[in-house]
Amino acid sequence: MTAWAVEQESRSGAYRFSMRMTRVLHHSVGEHQEMLLFENELFGRVLMLDGVVQTTERDEFFYHEMLVHVPCFAHGRVERALIIGGGDGGALEELLKHESLRQVTMVEIDQGVVDFSKEHLRSICGAAFEDPRLELVIADGAAWVAETEQRFDLIIVDSTDPSESGPSAVLFTEAFYRNCAGILDEGGLLVSQNSLPFSEPQALVGPFARIRAAFGAATCYRVPVPSYIGGEMTLVLAAKDGALPSPADEGLEARVAAAGIECLYYTPAVHRGAFALPPYVTRLLG
């Protein structure tokens, strides 16, 4: 009998997204979340947390490249970065490709996810967790940001989806965003995943308003992720003191060319086009 992993759209419960499990590699219920890893003919290894697809071997590059390279190239020279969450290591692996990066701190609430990724998802994280530029902190991200005296050029919030409860809920509050703004250096940027505007519009509307209130200005850009229920994801970009970088920046191509980073999705043209928002999204932003 064929086994299927099912993710249900959480707002209305109106539809489900299923993947055939050709082999279950791991299933556990830990202190913070339920983890399921299985193989699928199309997507390769698939990681689900609490019944929601987080990443797959086949399409992780869509999300991780756009999460990391858009703010990095928009900034121009990221030397110190902070990742909140991101235990699968995909964002970290992309970030470490930037030669300007001197140090990256990752604050992940669940050591088990990191250990799990190092054992089962090397095709996504590579050797990122062994890089000497990494400082790995196992802690609550919101509490850590509120207490740290460190300063950063870039903060990446790579969490599970916005929700009213669960371990990531505190990462979508105005207090958290204000604390993030307080530890950014001049010209610093924050990027946060804000779910799927078609199927989960409230996951964009509330957090976007809070980011805009905390930073003074914010904008969105889009990335399609085939394995995510709803298809098209929004990422929110905010800048210290509201000084948002322009997608029309004439130096973008030169910076990307000089970096020499090989991508499967990201290009300067894709970077610019991602900020062209359709009306159904701009109406959500208010």
C-alpha atoms as a PDB file:
ATOM      1  CA  MET A   1       0.000   0.000   0.000  1.00  0.00           C
ATOM      2  CA  THR A   2       1.368   3.423  -0.989  1.00  0.00           C
ATOM      3  CA  ALA A   3       2.031   5.819   1.891  1.00  0.00           C
ATOM      4  CA  TRP A   4       1.525   9.540   1.426  1.00  0.00           C
ATOM      5  CA  ALA A   5       2.684  12.513   3.473  1.00  0.00           C
ATOM      6  CA  VAL A   6      -0.121  15.054   3.632  1.00  0.00           C
ATOM      7  CA  GLU A   7       0.147  18.781   4.372  1.00  0.00           C
ATOM      8  CA  GLN A   8      -3.124  20.614   4.906  1.00  0.00           C
ATOM      9  CA  GLU A   9      -3.560  24.327   4.264  1.00  0.00           C
ATOM     10  CA  SER A  10      -4.033  25.623   7.787  1.00  0.00           C
ATOM     11  CA  ARG A  11      -6.223  28.732   7.465  1.00  0.00           C
ATOM     12  CA  SER A  12      -9.359  27.256   5.931  1.00  0.00           C
ATOM     13  CA  GLY A  13      -8.525  23.567   5.684  1.00  0.00           C
ATOM     14  CA  ALA A  14      -9.896  23.749   2.149  1.00  0.00           C
ATOM     15  CA  TYR A  15      -7.189  21.745   0.418  1.00  0.00           C
ATOM     16  CA  ARG A  16      -4.280  19.396   0.949  1.00  0.00           C
ATOM     17  CA  PHE A  17      -0.936  18.772  -0.706  1.00  0.00           C
ATOM     18  CA  SER A  18       0.388  15.209  -0.815  1.00  0.00           C
ATOM     19  CA  MET A  19       3.756  13.613  -1.574  1.00  0.00           C
ATOM     20  CA  ARG A  20       4.284   9.912  -2.042  1.00  0.00           C
ATOM     21  CA  MET A  21       6.740   8.471   0.476  1.00  0.00           C
ATOM     22  CA  THR A  22       8.860   5.870  -1.274  1.00  0.00           C
ATOM     23  CA  ARG A  23      10.857   5.403   1.934  1.00  0.00           C
ATOM     24  CA  VAL A  24      10.536   6.876   5.434  1.00  0.00           C
ATOM     25  CA  LEU A  25      13.992   7.652   6.785  1.00  0.00           C
ATOM     26  CA  HIS A  26      13.094   9.192  10.134  1.00  0.00           C
ATOM     27  CA  HIS A  27      10.073  10.062  12.261  1.00  0.00           C
ATOM     28  CA  SER A  28      10.213  11.496  15.784  1.00  0.00           C
ATOM     29  CA  VAL A  29       8.354  13.810  18.144  1.00  0.00           C
ATOM     30  CA  GLY A  30      10.775  15.958  20.124  1.00  0.00           C
ATOM     31  CA  GLU A  31      10.547  18.677  22.733  1.00  0.00           C
ATOM     32  CA  HIS A  32       9.943  21.429  20.176  1.00  0.00           C
ATOM     33  CA  GLN A  33       8.481  19.787  17.064  1.00  0.00           C
ATOM     34  CA  GLU A  34       7.653  16.642  15.117  1.00  0.00           C
ATOM     35  CA  MET A  35      10.177  15.691  12.429  1.00  0.00           C
ATOM     36  CA  LEU A  36       9.522  13.510   9.405  1.00  0.00           C
ATOM     37  CA  LEU A  37      12.099  12.740   6.702  1.00  0.00           C
ATOM     38  CA  PHE A  38      11.184  10.681   3.668  1.00  0.00           C
ATOM     39  CA  GLU A  39      12.169  10.124   0.060  1.00  0.00           C
ATOM     40  CA  ASN A  40      10.055  11.103  -2.947  1.00  0.00           C
ATOM     41  CA  GLU A  41      10.774  10.330  -6.614  1.00  0.00           C
ATOM     42  CA  LEU A  42      10.504  13.979  -7.693  1.00  0.00           C
ATOM     43  CA  PHE A  43      11.731  15.973  -4.680  1.00  0.00           C
ATOM     44  CA  GLY A  44      14.335  13.596  -3.256  1.00  0.00           C
ATOM     45  CA  ARG A  45      14.639  13.800   0.523  1.00  0.00           C
ATOM     46  CA  VAL A  46      11.833  15.837   2.077  1.00  0.00           C
ATOM     47  CA  LEU A  47      11.885  17.290   5.599  1.00  0.00           C
ATOM     48  CA  MET A  48       8.577  18.079   7.302  1.00  0.00           C
ATOM     49  CA  LEU A  49       8.242  19.743  10.713  1.00  0.00           C
ATOM     50  CA  ASP A  50       4.874  19.577  12.449  1.00  0.00           C
ATOM     51  CA  GLY A  51       3.264  18.394   9.225  1.00  0.00           C
ATOM     52  CA  VAL A  52       4.615  21.240   7.069  1.00  0.00           C
ATOM     53  CA  VAL A  53       7.217  20.829   4.308  1.00  0.00           C
ATOM     54  CA  GLN A  54      10.351  22.764   5.257  1.00  0.00           C
ATOM     55  CA  THR A  55      12.805  21.812   2.544  1.00  0.00           C
ATOM     56  CA  THR A  56      13.504  19.247  -0.151  1.00  0.00           C
ATOM     57  CA  GLU A  57      16.708  18.250  -1.905  1.00  0.00           C
ATOM     58  CA  ARG A  58      15.294  19.008  -5.344  1.00  0.00           C
ATOM     59  CA  ASP A  59      13.911  22.537  -4.910  1.00  0.00           C
ATOM     60  CA  GLU A  60      15.637  24.042  -1.831  1.00  0.00           C
ATOM     61  CA  PHE A  61      17.733  26.303  -4.076  1.00  0.00           C
ATOM     62  CA  PHE A  62      14.729  28.459  -5.002  1.00  0.00           C
ATOM     63  CA  TYR A  63      14.154  29.508  -1.413  1.00  0.00           C
ATOM     64  CA  HIS A  64      17.675  29.564  -0.008  1.00  0.00           C
ATOM     65  CA  GLU A  65      19.237  31.457  -2.905  1.00  0.00           C
ATOM     66  CA  MET A  66      16.608  34.177  -2.799  1.00  0.00           C
ATOM     67  CA  LEU A  67      16.555  34.352   1.000  1.00  0.00           C
ATOM     68  CA  VAL A  68      20.319  34.943   1.105  1.00  0.00           C
ATOM     69  CA  HIS A  69      21.610  36.467  -2.118  1.00  0.00           C
ATOM     70  CA  VAL A  70      18.982  39.192  -2.529  1.00  0.00           C
ATOM     71  CA  PRO A  71      19.847  40.929   0.775  1.00  0.00           C
ATOM     72  CA  CYS A  72      23.580  40.154   0.476  1.00  0.00           C
ATOM     73  CA  PHE A  73      23.949  41.707  -2.960  1.00  0.00           C
ATOM     74  CA  ALA A  74      21.571  44.546  -2.076  1.00  0.00           C
ATOM     75  CA  HIS A  75      23.770  45.383   0.916  1.00  0.00           C
ATOM     76  CA  GLY A  76      26.996  45.128  -1.030  1.00  0.00           C
ATOM     77  CA  ARG A  77      29.409  43.905   1.643  1.00  0.00           C
ATOM     78  CA  VAL A  78      28.012  41.741   4.417  1.00  0.00           C
ATOM     79  CA  GLU A  79      30.764  40.953   6.921  1.00  0.00           C
ATOM     80  CA  ARG A  80      28.775  39.930  10.017  1.00  0.00           C
ATOM     81  CA  ALA A  81      25.479  38.075   9.710  1.00  0.00           C
ATOM     82  CA  LEU A  82      22.917  36.518  12.020  1.00  0.00           C
ATOM     83  CA  ILE A  83      20.619  33.630  11.110  1.00  0.00           C
ATOM     84  CA  ILE A  84      17.632  32.985  13.360  1.00  0.00           C
ATOM     85  CA  GLY A  85      16.486  29.400  12.791  1.00  0.00           C
ATOM     86  CA  GLY A  86      17.705  27.777   9.591  1.00  0.00           C
ATOM     87  CA  GLY A  87      18.600  24.478  11.239  1.00  0.00           C
ATOM     88  CA  ASP A  88      18.656  22.631   7.910  1.00  0.00           C
ATOM     89  CA  GLY A  89      21.791  24.622   7.007  1.00  0.00           C
ATOM     90  CA  GLY A  90      20.630  25.634   3.535  1.00  0.00           C
ATOM     91  CA  ALA A  91      20.688  29.392   4.184  1.00  0.00           C
ATOM     92  CA  LEU A  92      24.005  29.067   6.003  1.00  0.00           C
ATOM     93  CA  GLU A  93      25.555  27.184   3.100  1.00  0.00           C
ATOM     94  CA  GLU A  94      24.515  29.919   0.638  1.00  0.00           C
ATOM     95  CA  LEU A  95      25.650  32.723   2.951  1.00  0.00           C
ATOM     96  CA  LEU A  96      29.121  31.249   3.369  1.00  0.00           C
ATOM     97  CA  LYS A  97      29.678  31.555  -0.392  1.00  0.00           C
ATOM     98  CA  HIS A  98      30.150  35.327   0.098  1.00  0.00           C
ATOM     99  CA  GLU A  99      33.865  35.998   0.560  1.00  0.00           C
ATOM    100  CA  SER A 100      33.196  39.280   2.382  1.00  0.00           C
ATOM    101  CA  LEU A 101      31.595  37.322   5.249  1.00  0.00           C
ATOM    102  CA  ARG A 102      33.877  37.217   8.294  1.00  0.00           C
ATOM    103  CA  GLN A 103      31.473  35.805  10.879  1.00  0.00           C
ATOM    104  CA  VAL A 104      27.989  34.319  10.993  1.00  0.00           C
ATOM    105  CA  THR A 105      26.047  33.552  14.154  1.00  0.00           C
ATOM    106  CA  MET A 106      23.229  31.027  13.891  1.00  0.00           C
ATOM    107  CA  VAL A 107      20.689  30.893  16.717  1.00  0.00           C
ATOM    108  CA  GLU A 108      18.614  27.723  16.452  1.00  0.00           C
ATOM    109  CA  ILE A 109      16.224  26.572  19.163  1.00  0.00           C
ATOM    110  CA  ASP A 110      16.560  22.851  18.435  1.00  0.00           C
ATOM    111  CA  GLN A 111      19.974  21.160  18.494  1.00  0.00           C
ATOM    112  CA  GLY A 112      18.252  18.055  17.193  1.00  0.00           C
ATOM    113  CA  VAL A 113      17.434  19.700  13.856  1.00  0.00           C
ATOM    114  CA  VAL A 114      21.075  20.698  13.348  1.00  0.00           C
ATOM    115  CA  ASP A 115      22.370  17.228  14.224  1.00  0.00           C
ATOM    116  CA  PHE A 116      19.693  15.680  12.028  1.00  0.00           C
ATOM    117  CA  SER A 117      20.617  17.880   9.053  1.00  0.00           C
ATOM    118  CA  LYS A 118      24.309  17.101   9.392  1.00  0.00           C
ATOM    119  CA  GLU A 119      23.495  13.398   9.278  1.00  0.00           C
ATOM    120  CA  HIS A 120      20.692  13.256   6.709  1.00  0.00           C
ATOM    121  CA  LEU A 121      20.712  16.483   4.642  1.00  0.00           C
ATOM    122  CA  ARG A 122      24.334  16.949   3.603  1.00  0.00           C
ATOM    123  CA  SER A 123      23.139  17.570   0.040  1.00  0.00           C
ATOM    124  CA  ILE A 124      21.569  20.786   1.389  1.00  0.00           C
ATOM    125  CA  CYS A 125      23.935  21.978   4.129  1.00  0.00           C
ATOM    126  CA  GLY A 126      27.197  20.583   2.766  1.00  0.00           C
ATOM    127  CA  ALA A 127      30.073  21.328   5.160  1.00  0.00           C
ATOM    128  CA  ALA A 128      28.507  24.601   6.333  1.00  0.00           C
ATOM    129  CA  PHE A 129      28.292  23.600   9.996  1.00  0.00           C
ATOM    130  CA  GLU A 130      32.040  22.896  10.042  1.00  0.00           C
ATOM    131  CA  ASP A 131      33.019  26.325   8.661  1.00  0.00           C
ATOM    132  CA  PRO A 132      35.222  28.242  11.160  1.00  0.00           C
ATOM    133  CA  ARG A 133      33.278  31.453  10.512  1.00  0.00           C
ATOM    134  CA  LEU A 134      30.192  29.935  12.163  1.00  0.00           C
ATOM    135  CA  GLU A 135      29.174  30.484  15.770  1.00  0.00           C
ATOM    136  CA  LEU A 136      26.280  28.114  16.514  1.00  0.00           C
ATOM    137  CA  VAL A 137      24.079  29.066  19.477  1.00  0.00           C
ATOM    138  CA  ILE A 138      21.289  26.771  20.685  1.00  0.00           C
ATOM    139  CA  ALA A 139      18.773  29.164  22.215  1.00  0.00           C
ATOM    140  CA  ASP A 140      15.448  30.925  21.760  1.00  0.00           C
ATOM    141  CA  GLY A 141      16.095  33.407  18.954  1.00  0.00           C
ATOM    142  CA  ALA A 142      13.875  36.182  20.306  1.00  0.00           C
ATOM    143  CA  ALA A 143      15.424  36.029  23.770  1.00  0.00           C
ATOM    144  CA  TRP A 144      18.948  35.957  22.332  1.00  0.00           C
ATOM    145  CA  VAL A 145      18.341  39.006  20.125  1.00  0.00           C
ATOM    146  CA  ALA A 146      16.918  40.920  23.107  1.00  0.00           C
ATOM    147  CA  GLU A 147      20.057  40.298  25.158  1.00  0.00           C
ATOM    148  CA  THR A 148      23.007  40.312  22.757  1.00  0.00           C
ATOM    149  CA  GLU A 149      25.478  43.184  22.443  1.00  0.00           C
ATOM    150  CA  GLN A 150      26.726  41.999  19.042  1.00  0.00           C
ATOM    151  CA  ARG A 151      26.029  44.012  15.870  1.00  0.00           C
ATOM    152  CA  PHE A 152      25.333  42.727  12.367  1.00  0.00           C
ATOM    153  CA  ASP A 153      25.114  43.815   8.739  1.00  0.00           C
ATOM    154  CA  LEU A 154      22.402  41.273   7.950  1.00  0.00           C
ATOM    155  CA  ILE A 155      19.776  39.345   9.921  1.00  0.00           C
ATOM    156  CA  ILE A 156      18.069  36.389   8.236  1.00  0.00           C
ATOM    157  CA  VAL A 157      14.938  35.050   9.938  1.00  0.00           C
ATOM    158  CA  ASP A 158      14.609  31.529   8.539  1.00  0.00           C
ATOM    159  CA  SER A 159      11.873  30.160  10.771  1.00  0.00           C
ATOM    160  CA  THR A 160       8.871  27.937  10.451  1.00  0.00           C
ATOM    161  CA  ASP A 161       5.704  29.681   9.249  1.00  0.00           C
ATOM    162  CA  PRO A 162       4.033  32.467  11.262  1.00  0.00           C
ATOM    163  CA  SER A 163       1.500  31.135  13.769  1.00  0.00           C
ATOM    164  CA  GLU A 164      -0.287  32.155  16.922  1.00  0.00           C
ATOM    165  CA  SER A 165       1.525  29.431  18.863  1.00  0.00           C
ATOM    166  CA  GLY A 166       4.539  27.182  18.534  1.00  0.00           C
ATOM    167  CA  PRO A 167       8.280  27.857  18.780  1.00  0.00           C
ATOM    168  CA  SER A 168       8.367  30.468  16.009  1.00  0.00           C
ATOM    169  CA  ALA A 169       5.466  32.678  17.194  1.00  0.00           C
ATOM    170  CA  VAL A 170       7.777  35.108  19.053  1.00  0.00           C
ATOM    171  CA  LEU A 171       9.756  35.685  15.846  1.00  0.00           C
ATOM    172  CA  PHE A 172       6.823  37.529  14.276  1.00  0.00           C
ATOM    173  CA  THR A 173       6.190  40.127  16.995  1.00  0.00           C
ATOM    174  CA  GLU A 174       6.903  43.851  16.844  1.00  0.00           C
ATOM    175  CA  ALA A 175       9.097  43.579  19.943  1.00  0.00           C
ATOM    176  CA  PHE A 176      11.319  41.034  18.176  1.00  0.00           C
ATOM    177  CA  TYR A 177      11.588  43.199  15.062  1.00  0.00           C
ATOM    178  CA  ARG A 178      12.483  46.273  17.129  1.00  0.00           C
ATOM    179  CA  ASN A 179      15.205  44.296  18.879  1.00  0.00           C
ATOM    180  CA  CYS A 180      16.517  43.187  15.487  1.00  0.00           C
ATOM    181  CA  ALA A 181      16.629  46.779  14.279  1.00  0.00           C
ATOM    182  CA  GLY A 182      18.585  47.669  17.398  1.00  0.00           C
ATOM    183  CA  ILE A 183      21.424  45.232  16.656  1.00  0.00           C
ATOM    184  CA  LEU A 184      21.879  46.157  12.991  1.00  0.00           C
ATOM    185  CA  ASP A 185      24.773  48.391  11.992  1.00  0.00           C
ATOM    186  CA  GLU A 186      24.152  51.401   9.760  1.00  0.00           C
ATOM    187  CA  GLY A 187      22.934  50.199   6.376  1.00  0.00           C
ATOM    188  CA  GLY A 188      22.023  46.822   7.859  1.00  0.00           C
ATOM    189  CA  LEU A 189      19.217  44.684   6.454  1.00  0.00           C
ATOM    190  CA  LEU A 190      16.711  42.173   7.790  1.00  0.00           C
ATOM    191  CA  VAL A 191      15.005  39.530   5.670  1.00  0.00           C
ATOM    192  CA  SER A 192      12.210  37.308   6.946  1.00  0.00           C
ATOM    193  CA  GLN A 193      10.150  34.574   5.323  1.00  0.00           C
ATOM    194  CA  ASN A 194       6.465  35.434   5.475  1.00  0.00           C
ATOM    195  CA  SER A 195       4.726  32.401   4.078  1.00  0.00           C
ATOM    196  CA  LEU A 196       2.442  32.152   1.041  1.00  0.00           C
ATOM    197  CA  PRO A 197       0.238  35.177   0.318  1.00  0.00           C
ATOM    198  CA  PHE A 198      -2.364  33.280  -1.688  1.00  0.00           C
ATOM    199  CA  SER A 199      -3.134  30.481   0.771  1.00  0.00           C
ATOM    200  CA  GLU A 200      -1.933  32.152   4.004  1.00  0.00           C
ATOM    201  CA  PRO A 201      -2.461  35.921   3.531  1.00  0.00           C
ATOM    202  CA  GLN A 202      -2.656  36.630   7.266  1.00  0.00           C
ATOM    203  CA  ALA A 203       0.893  35.288   7.626  1.00  0.00           C
ATOM    204  CA  LEU A 204       2.042  38.235   5.513  1.00  0.00           C
ATOM    205  CA  VAL A 205      -0.350  40.987   6.601  1.00  0.00           C
ATOM    206  CA  GLY A 206       0.304  41.010  10.358  1.00  0.00           C
ATOM    207  CA  PRO A 207       4.069  40.454  10.385  1.00  0.00           C
ATOM    208  CA  PHE A 208       4.610  42.919   7.523  1.00  0.00           C
ATOM    209  CA  ALA A 209       2.805  45.669   9.434  1.00  0.00           C
ATOM    210  CA  ARG A 210       4.923  44.944  12.521  1.00  0.00           C
ATOM    211  CA  ILE A 211       8.182  44.985  10.568  1.00  0.00           C
ATOM    212  CA  ARG A 212       7.221  48.265   8.915  1.00  0.00           C
ATOM    213  CA  ALA A 213       6.374  49.766  12.318  1.00  0.00           C
ATOM    214  CA  ALA A 214       9.674  48.600  13.811  1.00  0.00           C
ATOM    215  CA  PHE A 215      11.907  49.654  10.928  1.00  0.00           C
ATOM    216  CA  GLY A 216      10.018  52.621   9.474  1.00  0.00           C
ATOM    217  CA  ALA A 217       9.799  51.014   6.037  1.00  0.00           C
ATOM    218  CA  ALA A 218       9.671  47.545   4.537  1.00  0.00           C
ATOM    219  CA  THR A 219       9.057  45.877   1.196  1.00  0.00           C
ATOM    220  CA  CYS A 220       8.379  42.405  -0.157  1.00  0.00           C
ATOM    221  CA  TYR A 221       9.775  40.230  -2.878  1.00  0.00           C
ATOM    222  CA  ARG A 222       8.635  36.886  -4.240  1.00  0.00           C
ATOM    223  CA  VAL A 223      10.044  33.433  -4.872  1.00  0.00           C
ATOM    224  CA  PRO A 224       8.268  30.356  -6.249  1.00  0.00           C
ATOM    225  CA  VAL A 225       8.920  27.165  -4.290  1.00  0.00           C
ATOM    226  CA  PRO A 226       7.327  24.120  -5.970  1.00  0.00           C
ATOM    227  CA  SER A 227       7.057  22.010  -2.803  1.00  0.00           C
ATOM    228  CA  TYR A 228       5.387  24.706  -0.688  1.00  0.00           C
ATOM    229  CA  ILE A 229       1.613  24.528  -0.509  1.00  0.00           C
ATOM    230  CA  GLY A 230       0.373  27.598  -2.392  1.00  0.00           C
ATOM    231  CA  GLY A 231       3.459  27.836  -4.609  1.00  0.00           C
ATOM    232  CA  GLU A 232       4.637  31.447  -4.340  1.00  0.00           C
ATOM    233  CA  MET A 233       6.296  32.701  -1.158  1.00  0.00           C
ATOM    234  CA  THR A 234       6.855  36.262   0.024  1.00  0.00           C
ATOM    235  CA  LEU A 235      10.014  37.424   1.763  1.00  0.00           C
ATOM    236  CA  VAL A 236      10.021  40.733   3.640  1.00  0.00           C
ATOM    237  CA  LEU A 237      13.044  43.036   3.429  1.00  0.00           C
ATOM    238  CA  ALA A 238      13.617  45.862   5.914  1.00  0.00           C
ATOM    239  CA  ALA A 239      16.524  48.251   6.426  1.00  0.00           C
ATOM    240  CA  LYS A 240      18.008  50.086   9.366  1.00  0.00           C
ATOM    241  CA  ASP A 241      16.324  53.517   9.655  1.00  0.00           C
ATOM    242  CA  GLY A 242      14.024  52.621   6.752  1.00  0.00           C
ATOM    243  CA  ALA A 243      16.726  53.205   4.091  1.00  0.00           C
ATOM    244  CA  LEU A 244      15.608  50.440   1.736  1.00  0.00           C
ATOM    245  CA  PRO A 245      17.964  49.486  -1.112  1.00  0.00           C
ATOM    246  CA  SER A 246      16.582  50.003  -4.603  1.00  0.00           C
ATOM    247  CA  PRO A 247      16.144  46.981  -6.899  1.00  0.00           C
ATOM    248  CA  ALA A 248      17.230  49.327  -9.705  1.00  0.00           C
ATOM    249  CA  ASP A 249      20.708  49.670  -8.165  1.00  0.00           C
ATOM    250  CA  GLU A 250      23.066  50.067 -11.147  1.00  0.00           C
ATOM    251  CA  GLY A 251      25.940  48.347  -9.357  1.00  0.00           C
ATOM    252  CA  LEU A 252      24.079  45.070  -8.807  1.00  0.00           C
ATOM    253  CA  GLU A 253      25.367  43.266 -11.911  1.00  0.00           C
ATOM    254  CA  ALA A 254      28.976  44.182 -11.155  1.00  0.00           C
ATOM    255  CA  ARG A 255      28.734  42.933  -7.563  1.00  0.00           C
ATOM    256  CA  VAL A 256      27.159  39.648  -8.624  1.00  0.00           C
ATOM    257  CA  ALA A 257      29.735  39.110 -11.377  1.00  0.00           C
ATOM    258  CA  ALA A 258      32.624  39.857  -9.006  1.00  0.00           C
ATOM    259  CA  ALA A 259      31.319  37.372  -6.441  1.00  0.00           C
ATOM    260  CA  GLY A 260      31.466  34.504  -8.936  1.00  0.00           C
ATOM    261  CA  ILE A 261      28.771  32.533  -7.091  1.00  0.00           C
ATOM    262  CA  GLU A 262      27.063  29.883  -9.213  1.00  0.00           C
ATOM    263  CA  CYS A 263      23.299  29.788  -8.715  1.00  0.00           C
ATOM    264  CA  LEU A 264      20.456  27.706 -10.085  1.00  0.00           C
ATOM    265  CA  TYR A 265      17.775  30.392  -9.653  1.00  0.00           C
ATOM    266  CA  TYR A 266      19.204  33.749  -8.561  1.00  0.00           C
ATOM    267  CA  THR A 267      20.418  36.269 -11.163  1.00  0.00           C
ATOM    268  CA  PRO A 268      20.439  40.095 -11.140  1.00  0.00           C
ATOM    269  CA  ALA A 269      17.403  40.048 -13.449  1.00  0.00           C
ATOM    270  CA  VAL A 270      15.535  37.662 -11.152  1.00  0.00           C
ATOM    271  CA  HIS A 271      16.556  39.859  -8.186  1.00  0.00           C
ATOM    272  CA  ARG A 272      14.959  42.925  -9.778  1.00  0.00           C
ATOM    273  CA  GLY A 273      11.884  41.107 -11.050  1.00  0.00           C
ATOM    274  CA  ALA A 274      11.140  39.590  -7.640  1.00  0.00           C
ATOM    275  CA  PHE A 275      10.215  43.044  -6.310  1.00  0.00           C
ATOM    276  CA  ALA A 276       7.496  43.502  -8.977  1.00  0.00           C
ATOM    277  CA  LEU A 277       4.461  42.637  -6.870  1.00  0.00           C
ATOM    278  CA  PRO A 278       1.059  41.720  -8.335  1.00  0.00           C
ATOM    279  CA  PRO A 279      -1.994  43.673  -7.146  1.00  0.00           C
ATOM    280  CA  TYR A 280      -3.289  40.880  -4.924  1.00  0.00           C
ATOM    281  CA  VAL A 281      -0.089  41.136  -2.862  1.00  0.00           C
ATOM    282  CA  THR A 282       0.143  44.949  -2.769  1.00  0.00           C
ATOM    283  CA  ARG A 283      -3.443  45.083  -1.489  1.00  0.00           C
ATOM    284  CA  LEU A 284      -2.433  42.867   1.415  1.00  0.00           C
ATOM    285  CA  LEU A 285       0.400  45.223   2.319  1.00  0.00           C
ATOM    286  CA  GLY A 286      -1.942  48.202   2.765  1.00  0.00           C
END
